[in-house]
Amino acid sequence: TLNFIQILIDENRIECITQIRDFFEECLNAKNNLITLEVTLAIDPKPDLAQLIQKTLEKKYNSSLRINFLKNEEILGGMLIKYGDTVIDLSVRNKIENFSKI
């Protein structure tokens, strides 16, 4: 590890260390069948709600999950689920906007 870091320094590539770490973490998670999701709610979830969301999404993705919960009152209710480049918008705000287009 020390030699690797020294090569990065010698080649003026030390700024890449966080990208290398992130890539390594992605590879390790893929090997261990662990998915990281970002779930945005209008409120901070209570433990029982967080556990229900965790179990439901683990069943949907058939995988172990690491969920980062975020709070954004602008979605009004419901949730946004982000997985990689995919966004599943189950928010009340989105439903209102889609309804108003009719």
N, C-alpha and C. Protein backbone atom coordinates (compact mmCIF):
# COMPACT_ATOMS: atom_id res chain seq x y z
N THR A 1 0.83 -1.19 0.00
CA THR A 1 0.00 0.00 0.00
C THR A 1 0.86 1.25 0.00
N LEU A 2 1.89 1.22 0.80
CA LEU A 2 2.78 2.38 0.87
C LEU A 2 3.46 2.62 -0.48
N ASN A 3 3.90 1.55 -1.13
CA ASN A 3 4.51 1.69 -2.46
C ASN A 3 3.53 2.27 -3.46
N PHE A 4 2.30 1.82 -3.40
CA PHE A 4 1.27 2.32 -4.31
C PHE A 4 1.05 3.82 -4.10
N ILE A 5 0.96 4.24 -2.86
CA ILE A 5 0.79 5.66 -2.56
C ILE A 5 2.00 6.45 -3.02
N GLN A 6 3.19 5.90 -2.86
CA GLN A 6 4.40 6.57 -3.31
C GLN A 6 4.39 6.75 -4.83
N ILE A 7 3.93 5.74 -5.56
CA ILE A 7 3.83 5.86 -7.03
C ILE A 7 2.85 6.98 -7.39
N LEU A 8 1.73 7.05 -6.70
CA LEU A 8 0.76 8.12 -6.96
C LEU A 8 1.39 9.50 -6.74
N ILE A 9 2.16 9.62 -5.69
CA ILE A 9 2.83 10.89 -5.40
C ILE A 9 3.87 11.20 -6.47
N ASP A 10 4.68 10.21 -6.81
CA ASP A 10 5.73 10.42 -7.82
C ASP A 10 5.16 10.82 -9.18
N GLU A 11 3.99 10.28 -9.52
CA GLU A 11 3.38 10.55 -10.82
C GLU A 11 2.38 11.72 -10.76
N ASN A 12 2.40 12.45 -9.65
CA ASN A 12 1.47 13.58 -9.45
C ASN A 12 0.02 13.17 -9.64
N ARG A 13 -0.34 12.02 -9.09
CA ARG A 13 -1.69 11.48 -9.21
C ARG A 13 -2.36 11.27 -7.84
N ILE A 14 -1.81 11.85 -6.81
CA ILE A 14 -2.33 11.62 -5.46
C ILE A 14 -3.78 12.10 -5.33
N GLU A 15 -4.19 13.07 -6.16
CA GLU A 15 -5.57 13.56 -6.09
C GLU A 15 -6.57 12.47 -6.51
N CYS A 16 -6.09 11.42 -7.13
CA CYS A 16 -6.96 10.32 -7.57
C CYS A 16 -7.26 9.32 -6.45
N ILE A 17 -6.68 9.51 -5.29
CA ILE A 17 -6.78 8.52 -4.23
C ILE A 17 -8.23 8.30 -3.79
N THR A 18 -9.04 9.36 -3.74
CA THR A 18 -10.44 9.18 -3.34
C THR A 18 -11.23 8.43 -4.41
N GLN A 19 -10.94 8.67 -5.67
CA GLN A 19 -11.61 7.94 -6.75
C GLN A 19 -11.21 6.46 -6.71
N ILE A 20 -9.96 6.20 -6.42
CA ILE A 20 -9.49 4.82 -6.33
C ILE A 20 -10.18 4.12 -5.15
N ARG A 21 -10.27 4.80 -4.03
CA ARG A 21 -10.94 4.24 -2.86
C ARG A 21 -12.41 3.95 -3.17
N ASP A 22 -13.10 4.90 -3.81
CA ASP A 22 -14.51 4.72 -4.15
C ASP A 22 -14.71 3.54 -5.10
N PHE A 23 -13.82 3.41 -6.09
CA PHE A 23 -13.92 2.30 -7.03
C PHE A 23 -13.69 0.97 -6.32
N PHE A 24 -12.70 0.92 -5.44
CA PHE A 24 -12.42 -0.28 -4.67
C PHE A 24 -13.63 -0.65 -3.82
N GLU A 25 -14.25 0.34 -3.19
CA GLU A 25 -15.42 0.09 -2.36
C GLU A 25 -16.59 -0.45 -3.21
N GLU A 26 -16.78 0.10 -4.41
CA GLU A 26 -17.83 -0.39 -5.31
C GLU A 26 -17.58 -1.86 -5.69
N CYS A 27 -16.34 -2.18 -6.00
CA CYS A 27 -15.99 -3.56 -6.36
C CYS A 27 -16.23 -4.51 -5.19
N LEU A 28 -15.84 -4.09 -4.01
CA LEU A 28 -16.02 -4.91 -2.81
C LEU A 28 -17.50 -5.11 -2.52
N ASN A 29 -18.29 -4.04 -2.66
CA ASN A 29 -19.74 -4.15 -2.43
C ASN A 29 -20.39 -5.08 -3.45
N ALA A 30 -19.97 -4.98 -4.70
CA ALA A 30 -20.52 -5.86 -5.74
C ALA A 30 -20.19 -7.31 -5.43
N LYS A 31 -18.98 -7.57 -4.99
CA LYS A 31 -18.57 -8.94 -4.65
C LYS A 31 -19.40 -9.48 -3.48
N ASN A 32 -19.72 -8.61 -2.53
CA ASN A 32 -20.48 -9.02 -1.35
C ASN A 32 -21.99 -8.84 -1.52
N ASN A 33 -22.43 -8.51 -2.75
CA ASN A 33 -23.85 -8.32 -3.06
C ASN A 33 -24.48 -7.27 -2.14
N LEU A 34 -23.79 -6.15 -1.95
CA LEU A 34 -24.26 -5.05 -1.11
C LEU A 34 -24.51 -3.84 -2.00
N ILE A 35 -25.72 -3.31 -1.93
CA ILE A 35 -26.11 -2.15 -2.72
C ILE A 35 -26.28 -0.95 -1.79
N THR A 36 -25.81 0.21 -2.25
CA THR A 36 -26.02 1.44 -1.50
C THR A 36 -27.10 2.25 -2.20
N LEU A 37 -28.13 2.60 -1.45
CA LEU A 37 -29.24 3.40 -1.95
C LEU A 37 -29.32 4.71 -1.19
N GLU A 38 -29.90 5.70 -1.84
CA GLU A 38 -30.19 6.97 -1.19
C GLU A 38 -31.70 7.13 -1.21
N VAL A 39 -32.30 7.24 -0.04
CA VAL A 39 -33.75 7.39 0.07
C VAL A 39 -34.03 8.75 0.68
N THR A 40 -34.79 9.57 -0.05
CA THR A 40 -35.14 10.91 0.40
C THR A 40 -36.59 10.92 0.83
N LEU A 41 -36.83 11.40 2.04
CA LEU A 41 -38.17 11.51 2.60
C LEU A 41 -38.42 12.96 2.99
N ALA A 42 -39.68 13.31 3.22
CA ALA A 42 -40.02 14.66 3.66
C ALA A 42 -39.73 14.83 5.16
N ILE A 43 -39.59 13.73 5.86
CA ILE A 43 -39.34 13.75 7.31
C ILE A 43 -38.14 12.86 7.62
N ASP A 44 -37.62 13.00 8.82
CA ASP A 44 -36.61 12.05 9.28
C ASP A 44 -37.34 10.77 9.68
N PRO A 45 -36.94 9.62 9.12
CA PRO A 45 -37.69 8.39 9.42
C PRO A 45 -37.44 7.90 10.84
N LYS A 46 -38.52 7.47 11.47
CA LYS A 46 -38.39 6.82 12.77
C LYS A 46 -37.83 5.42 12.53
N PRO A 47 -37.22 4.82 13.54
CA PRO A 47 -36.58 3.50 13.33
C PRO A 47 -37.49 2.44 12.72
N ASP A 48 -38.76 2.40 13.12
CA ASP A 48 -39.65 1.37 12.56
C ASP A 48 -39.93 1.62 11.08
N LEU A 49 -40.06 2.89 10.67
CA LEU A 49 -40.25 3.21 9.25
C LEU A 49 -38.99 2.90 8.45
N ALA A 50 -37.84 3.25 8.99
CA ALA A 50 -36.57 2.95 8.31
C ALA A 50 -36.40 1.45 8.13
N GLN A 51 -36.77 0.67 9.13
CA GLN A 51 -36.65 -0.79 9.05
C GLN A 51 -37.62 -1.35 8.02
N LEU A 52 -38.84 -0.81 7.95
CA LEU A 52 -39.82 -1.26 6.96
C LEU A 52 -39.33 -0.96 5.54
N ILE A 53 -38.80 0.23 5.33
CA ILE A 53 -38.25 0.60 4.02
C ILE A 53 -37.09 -0.32 3.67
N GLN A 54 -36.21 -0.57 4.62
CA GLN A 54 -35.05 -1.45 4.42
C GLN A 54 -35.51 -2.84 3.97
N LYS A 55 -36.44 -3.44 4.70
CA LYS A 55 -36.90 -4.80 4.39
C LYS A 55 -37.60 -4.85 3.03
N THR A 56 -38.43 -3.85 2.74
CA THR A 56 -39.15 -3.82 1.47
C THR A 56 -38.20 -3.70 0.29
N LEU A 57 -37.21 -2.82 0.40
CA LEU A 57 -36.26 -2.62 -0.70
C LEU A 57 -35.30 -3.80 -0.84
N GLU A 58 -34.93 -4.44 0.28
CA GLU A 58 -34.08 -5.63 0.19
C GLU A 58 -34.81 -6.74 -0.56
N LYS A 59 -36.12 -6.87 -0.34
CA LYS A 59 -36.90 -7.87 -1.05
C LYS A 59 -36.99 -7.51 -2.53
N LYS A 60 -37.19 -6.22 -2.84
CA LYS A 60 -37.30 -5.77 -4.23
C LYS A 60 -36.00 -6.00 -5.00
N TYR A 61 -34.87 -5.63 -4.39
CA TYR A 61 -33.57 -5.75 -5.07
C TYR A 61 -32.88 -7.09 -4.83
N ASN A 62 -33.47 -7.93 -3.96
CA ASN A 62 -32.91 -9.24 -3.66
C ASN A 62 -31.43 -9.14 -3.30
N SER A 63 -31.13 -8.21 -2.41
CA SER A 63 -29.75 -7.95 -2.04
C SER A 63 -29.70 -7.30 -0.67
N SER A 64 -28.53 -7.32 -0.05
CA SER A 64 -28.32 -6.56 1.18
C SER A 64 -28.16 -5.09 0.80
N LEU A 65 -28.70 -4.22 1.63
CA LEU A 65 -28.67 -2.80 1.31
C LEU A 65 -28.02 -1.97 2.40
N ARG A 66 -27.38 -0.92 1.97
CA ARG A 66 -26.94 0.15 2.85
C ARG A 66 -27.73 1.37 2.40
N ILE A 67 -28.60 1.88 3.25
CA ILE A 67 -29.48 2.98 2.87
C ILE A 67 -29.04 4.25 3.59
N ASN A 68 -28.85 5.30 2.81
CA ASN A 68 -28.59 6.62 3.35
C ASN A 68 -29.90 7.40 3.27
N PHE A 69 -30.45 7.74 4.42
CA PHE A 69 -31.70 8.49 4.46
C PHE A 69 -31.40 9.98 4.45
N LEU A 70 -32.11 10.70 3.59
CA LEU A 70 -31.99 12.15 3.49
C LEU A 70 -33.36 12.77 3.73
N LYS A 71 -33.36 14.02 4.19
CA LYS A 71 -34.60 14.73 4.44
C LYS A 71 -34.71 15.90 3.46
N ASN A 72 -35.86 16.01 2.78
CA ASN A 72 -36.13 17.13 1.88
C ASN A 72 -37.63 17.40 1.94
N GLU A 73 -38.01 18.45 2.65
CA GLU A 73 -39.42 18.77 2.86
C GLU A 73 -40.11 19.17 1.56
N GLU A 74 -39.36 19.52 0.52
CA GLU A 74 -39.95 19.96 -0.74
C GLU A 74 -40.67 18.83 -1.48
N ILE A 75 -40.39 17.58 -1.15
CA ILE A 75 -41.09 16.49 -1.84
C ILE A 75 -42.49 16.27 -1.26
N LEU A 76 -42.81 16.95 -0.15
CA LEU A 76 -44.12 16.96 0.50
C LEU A 76 -44.47 15.65 1.20
N GLY A 77 -44.18 14.53 0.60
CA GLY A 77 -44.47 13.22 1.18
C GLY A 77 -43.96 12.16 0.22
N GLY A 78 -44.13 10.90 0.58
CA GLY A 78 -43.61 9.84 -0.26
C GLY A 78 -42.10 9.76 -0.15
N MET A 79 -41.45 9.32 -1.24
CA MET A 79 -40.00 9.18 -1.19
C MET A 79 -39.39 9.19 -2.58
N LEU A 80 -38.10 9.49 -2.63
CA LEU A 80 -37.27 9.35 -3.82
C LEU A 80 -36.25 8.28 -3.51
N ILE A 81 -36.07 7.35 -4.43
CA ILE A 81 -35.08 6.30 -4.24
C ILE A 81 -34.04 6.44 -5.34
N LYS A 82 -32.78 6.61 -4.97
CA LYS A 82 -31.69 6.72 -5.94
C LYS A 82 -30.77 5.51 -5.79
N TYR A 83 -30.53 4.87 -6.94
CA TYR A 83 -29.64 3.72 -6.99
C TYR A 83 -28.79 3.89 -8.23
N GLY A 84 -27.53 4.27 -8.05
CA GLY A 84 -26.67 4.54 -9.20
C GLY A 84 -27.22 5.70 -10.00
N ASP A 85 -27.50 5.48 -11.27
CA ASP A 85 -28.07 6.52 -12.13
C ASP A 85 -29.59 6.46 -12.19
N THR A 86 -30.19 5.53 -11.48
CA THR A 86 -31.63 5.34 -11.52
C THR A 86 -32.30 6.08 -10.37
N VAL A 87 -33.38 6.81 -10.68
CA VAL A 87 -34.17 7.50 -9.67
C VAL A 87 -35.61 7.03 -9.79
N ILE A 88 -36.16 6.55 -8.69
CA ILE A 88 -37.57 6.18 -8.62
C ILE A 88 -38.26 7.25 -7.80
N ASP A 89 -39.12 8.03 -8.46
CA ASP A 89 -39.78 9.17 -7.81
C ASP A 89 -41.17 8.76 -7.37
N LEU A 90 -41.32 8.52 -6.09
CA LEU A 90 -42.60 8.16 -5.49
C LEU A 90 -43.11 9.29 -4.61
N SER A 91 -42.67 10.53 -4.91
CA SER A 91 -43.01 11.67 -4.07
C SER A 91 -44.39 12.22 -4.38
N VAL A 92 -45.02 12.84 -3.38
CA VAL A 92 -46.31 13.49 -3.56
C VAL A 92 -46.17 14.65 -4.53
N ARG A 93 -45.07 15.38 -4.42
CA ARG A 93 -44.85 16.51 -5.32
C ARG A 93 -44.87 16.06 -6.79
N ASN A 94 -44.21 14.96 -7.09
CA ASN A 94 -44.19 14.43 -8.46
C ASN A 94 -45.60 14.04 -8.90
N LYS A 95 -46.36 13.41 -8.02
CA LYS A 95 -47.72 13.00 -8.37
C LYS A 95 -48.60 14.23 -8.64
N ILE A 96 -48.44 15.29 -7.86
CA ILE A 96 -49.20 16.53 -8.08
C ILE A 96 -48.82 17.15 -9.41
N GLU A 97 -47.52 17.20 -9.69
CA GLU A 97 -47.06 17.78 -10.96
C GLU A 97 -47.57 16.98 -12.15
N ASN A 98 -47.55 15.66 -12.06
CA ASN A 98 -48.07 14.82 -13.15
C ASN A 98 -49.57 14.96 -13.30
N PHE A 99 -50.28 15.12 -12.20
CA PHE A 99 -51.73 15.29 -12.24
C PHE A 99 -52.09 16.63 -12.88
N SER A 100 -51.33 17.67 -12.60
CA SER A 100 -51.62 18.99 -13.14
C SER A 100 -51.37 19.07 -14.64
N LYS A 101 -50.60 18.12 -15.20
CA LYS A 101 -50.34 18.08 -16.64
C LYS A 101 -51.51 17.53 -17.43
N ILE A 102 -52.44 16.87 -16.73
CA ILE A 102 -53.59 16.25 -17.41
C ILE A 102 -54.57 17.30 -17.88
